[in-house]
Amino acid sequence: MKLVIGLGNIGEEYSRTRHNVGFLSLDHWAQAHKQSFSKDKLFDFIKKRSVCLIKPNTYMNRSGLALAEALSRWKCSETLVVHDDIELPLSKIRIRNGGGDGGHNGIKSLLEVQASDLLRRLRIGIGRDEGNPRDYVLDEFEDGELQKINECLSTVNELIDIFITLGYNEMLNQYSKWKKSCSEANKPGIICP
């Protein structure tokens, strides 16, 4: 079984914030697949035969508690974390395996539970401004920004589906092909998000 964890903060006041793009991604995936989340103490989850998708109910800084519970409950062969990245331009997608927390408290908490080289990451850019990063990530998306994020979530869905069915390496291969096609977007027939 594979595990997909989307990072965010619980509560309506955080639902449209930049830091919640991991939750938005899993909600978008669930809607596209006509699935709904079940509630548990430490996370909301969708469990299917080959995958479990979770959204921690622990707030961002304590996401590792939800990961630890999921790993103890289910035998997971691979873990994919979907999260925001302030260092990437708005709606840009990057995939990475391993590495440090980069100042992201949700990732920091996960690394207390699982080794870095076992955490595959699907990072979604939220951009940044000149102000305090802590305030920026907890601010709500502006309407134009949210539209761009929603447009990139279709690609995120496809990548999650590939991870579920074929694994991380194939997801990385498909991402590389997609990224190359976008770098050649001026060629006829190439449509990029």
Protein backbone atom coordinates (compact mmCIF):
# COMPACT_ATOMS: atom_id res chain seq x y z
CA MET A 1 0.00 0.00 0.00
CA LYS A 2 1.13 3.54 -0.73
CA LEU A 3 0.57 6.53 1.53
CA VAL A 4 -0.14 10.06 0.30
CA ILE A 5 -0.14 12.79 2.93
CA GLY A 6 -1.29 16.33 2.13
CA LEU A 7 -0.08 19.00 4.53
CA GLY A 8 -2.20 21.83 5.87
CA ASN A 9 -3.89 23.28 8.93
CA ILE A 10 -7.34 22.27 10.11
CA GLY A 11 -10.17 24.75 10.50
CA GLU A 12 -12.21 26.95 8.21
CA GLU A 13 -9.99 29.97 8.92
CA TYR A 14 -7.08 28.20 7.20
CA SER A 15 -8.95 26.56 4.33
CA ARG A 16 -7.94 29.13 1.66
CA THR A 17 -4.45 29.89 2.97
CA ARG A 18 -1.30 29.28 0.98
CA HIS A 19 0.01 26.82 3.58
CA ASN A 20 -3.00 24.56 2.91
CA VAL A 21 -2.21 23.68 -0.69
CA GLY A 22 -1.53 20.07 0.36
CA PHE A 23 -5.08 19.79 1.71
CA LEU A 24 -6.45 21.50 -1.42
CA SER A 25 -4.61 18.94 -3.57
CA LEU A 26 -6.08 15.94 -1.77
CA ASP A 27 -9.55 17.51 -1.76
CA HIS A 28 -9.24 18.07 -5.51
CA TRP A 29 -8.13 14.44 -5.99
CA ALA A 30 -11.04 13.16 -3.89
CA GLN A 31 -13.56 15.23 -5.85
CA ALA A 32 -12.14 14.06 -9.19
CA HIS A 33 -12.38 10.42 -8.04
CA LYS A 34 -15.78 10.82 -6.34
CA GLN A 35 -14.32 9.85 -2.97
CA SER A 36 -14.95 11.29 0.48
CA PHE A 37 -12.75 11.43 3.53
CA SER A 38 -13.50 9.46 6.68
CA LYS A 39 -12.69 11.09 10.02
CA ASP A 40 -10.27 9.77 12.60
CA LYS A 41 -8.63 11.29 15.65
CA LEU A 42 -5.34 12.29 14.03
CA PHE A 43 -6.32 12.55 10.36
CA ASP A 44 -9.06 12.46 7.75
CA PHE A 45 -8.44 9.64 5.31
CA ILE A 46 -9.47 7.80 2.16
CA LYS A 47 -8.42 4.16 2.16
CA LYS A 48 -8.55 2.08 -0.97
CA ARG A 49 -6.94 -1.27 -1.65
CA SER A 50 -3.61 0.12 -2.91
CA VAL A 51 -3.47 3.55 -1.26
CA CYS A 52 -4.35 5.60 1.77
CA LEU A 53 -4.57 9.39 1.48
CA ILE A 54 -4.48 11.39 4.71
CA LYS A 55 -4.94 14.99 5.82
CA PRO A 56 -3.57 15.46 9.38
CA ASN A 57 -5.87 16.93 12.04
CA THR A 58 -2.84 17.91 14.11
CA TYR A 59 -1.99 21.32 12.64
CA MET A 60 1.04 21.70 10.42
CA ASN A 61 3.73 21.72 13.10
CA ARG A 62 2.62 18.32 14.43
CA SER A 63 2.00 16.49 11.14
CA GLY A 64 4.47 13.81 12.18
CA LEU A 65 1.95 12.51 14.74
CA ALA A 66 -0.50 11.72 11.95
CA LEU A 67 2.22 10.13 9.84
CA ALA A 68 3.35 7.94 12.75
CA GLU A 69 -0.22 6.75 13.34
CA ALA A 70 -0.76 5.98 9.65
CA LEU A 71 2.52 4.06 9.40
CA SER A 72 1.65 2.02 12.50
CA ARG A 73 -1.84 1.24 11.21
CA TRP A 74 -1.05 0.34 7.60
CA LYS A 75 1.94 -1.32 5.99
CA CYS A 76 3.04 1.36 3.52
CA SER A 77 5.68 0.70 0.89
CA GLU A 78 6.10 4.34 -0.23
CA THR A 79 5.15 7.72 1.18
CA LEU A 80 4.40 10.81 -0.93
CA VAL A 81 4.02 14.21 0.76
CA VAL A 82 2.14 16.96 -1.08
CA HIS A 83 2.97 20.40 0.31
CA ASP A 84 3.46 24.09 -0.36
CA ASP A 85 6.85 25.55 -1.22
CA ILE A 86 7.49 29.26 -0.73
CA GLU A 87 10.69 29.08 -2.79
CA LEU A 88 8.86 28.04 -5.98
CA PRO A 89 6.87 30.48 -8.14
CA LEU A 90 3.10 30.28 -7.80
CA SER A 91 1.62 27.03 -9.18
CA LYS A 92 4.99 25.56 -10.26
CA ILE A 93 5.40 21.88 -9.42
CA ARG A 94 8.59 20.10 -8.38
CA ILE A 95 9.22 16.52 -7.31
CA ARG A 96 12.01 15.55 -5.00
CA ASN A 97 13.18 12.68 -2.87
CA GLY A 98 14.96 13.33 0.41
CA GLY A 99 16.53 16.57 1.55
CA GLY A 100 16.04 18.77 4.58
CA ASP A 101 12.98 20.60 5.80
CA GLY A 102 13.86 23.93 4.11
CA GLY A 103 12.22 25.80 6.99
CA HIS A 104 8.87 24.06 6.43
CA ASN A 105 7.55 23.07 9.87
CA GLY A 106 5.27 20.36 8.49
CA ILE A 107 8.19 18.64 6.76
CA LYS A 108 10.31 19.12 9.89
CA SER A 109 7.69 17.25 11.91
CA LEU A 110 7.48 14.43 9.34
CA LEU A 111 11.27 14.02 9.38
CA GLU A 112 11.06 13.30 13.11
CA VAL A 113 9.08 10.17 12.17
CA GLN A 114 10.44 9.01 8.83
CA ALA A 115 13.92 9.25 7.31
CA SER A 116 14.38 11.90 4.65
CA ASP A 117 15.23 9.41 1.90
CA LEU A 118 11.88 7.65 2.47
CA LEU A 119 9.80 10.81 1.98
CA ARG A 120 8.98 11.50 -1.65
CA ARG A 121 7.79 15.07 -2.10
CA LEU A 122 5.45 16.74 -4.52
CA ARG A 123 6.01 20.46 -3.94
CA ILE A 124 3.60 23.12 -5.16
CA GLY A 125 4.88 26.67 -5.44
CA ILE A 126 3.04 29.41 -3.59
CA GLY A 127 5.52 32.21 -4.37
CA ARG A 128 6.56 34.76 -1.80
CA ASP A 129 6.55 38.47 -1.08
CA GLU A 130 8.93 40.81 0.73
CA GLY A 131 7.16 40.43 4.09
CA ASN A 132 7.43 37.89 6.85
CA PRO A 133 7.22 34.35 5.38
CA ARG A 134 5.18 33.13 8.38
CA ASP A 135 2.51 35.75 7.71
CA TYR A 136 2.61 35.14 3.95
CA VAL A 137 1.96 31.39 4.13
CA LEU A 138 -0.95 31.92 6.53
CA ASP A 139 -2.56 34.61 4.34
CA GLU A 140 -5.39 33.56 2.05
CA PHE A 141 -4.77 33.14 -1.65
CA GLU A 142 -5.98 36.06 -3.70
CA ASP A 143 -8.63 35.09 -6.27
CA GLY A 144 -6.21 35.17 -9.23
CA GLU A 145 -3.68 33.10 -7.29
CA LEU A 146 -6.27 30.53 -6.29
CA GLN A 147 -7.34 30.18 -9.92
CA LYS A 148 -3.73 29.40 -10.94
CA ILE A 149 -3.39 26.88 -8.11
CA ASN A 150 -6.66 25.19 -9.10
CA GLU A 151 -5.42 24.92 -12.69
CA CYS A 152 -2.21 23.17 -11.60
CA LEU A 153 -4.12 20.70 -9.39
CA SER A 154 -5.20 18.68 -12.43
CA THR A 155 -1.53 17.94 -13.10
CA VAL A 156 -1.03 17.17 -9.40
CA ASN A 157 -3.95 14.69 -9.64
CA GLU A 158 -2.32 12.95 -12.59
CA LEU A 159 0.99 12.69 -10.75
CA ILE A 160 -0.70 11.28 -7.64
CA ASP A 161 -2.51 8.71 -9.78
CA ILE A 162 0.77 7.64 -11.37
CA PHE A 163 2.37 7.36 -7.92
CA ILE A 164 -0.52 5.19 -6.72
CA THR A 165 -0.60 2.84 -9.69
CA LEU A 166 3.03 2.73 -10.85
CA GLY A 167 5.16 4.16 -8.02
CA TYR A 168 7.50 7.05 -7.42
CA ASN A 169 10.03 6.29 -10.18
CA GLU A 170 7.37 6.28 -12.89
CA MET A 171 5.83 9.44 -11.45
CA LEU A 172 9.27 11.05 -11.68
CA ASN A 173 9.66 9.86 -15.29
CA GLN A 174 6.28 11.27 -16.29
CA TYR A 175 7.02 14.52 -14.47
CA SER A 176 10.30 14.84 -16.40
CA LYS A 177 8.48 14.35 -19.72
CA TRP A 178 5.81 16.85 -18.73
CA LYS A 179 8.41 19.40 -17.61
CA LYS A 180 10.33 19.01 -20.90
CA SER A 181 7.15 19.50 -22.92
CA CYS A 182 6.40 22.68 -20.99
CA SER A 183 9.87 24.02 -21.67
CA GLU A 184 9.02 23.64 -25.36
CA ALA A 185 5.57 25.20 -24.99
CA ASN A 186 5.97 27.36 -28.09
CA LYS A 187 5.78 24.24 -30.29
CA PRO A 188 2.38 23.51 -31.82
CA GLY A 189 0.19 21.13 -29.83
CA ILE A 190 1.96 21.63 -26.49
CA ILE A 191 -0.44 22.80 -23.82
CA CYS A 192 0.94 23.50 -20.35
CA PRO A 193 -0.83 24.42 -17.14
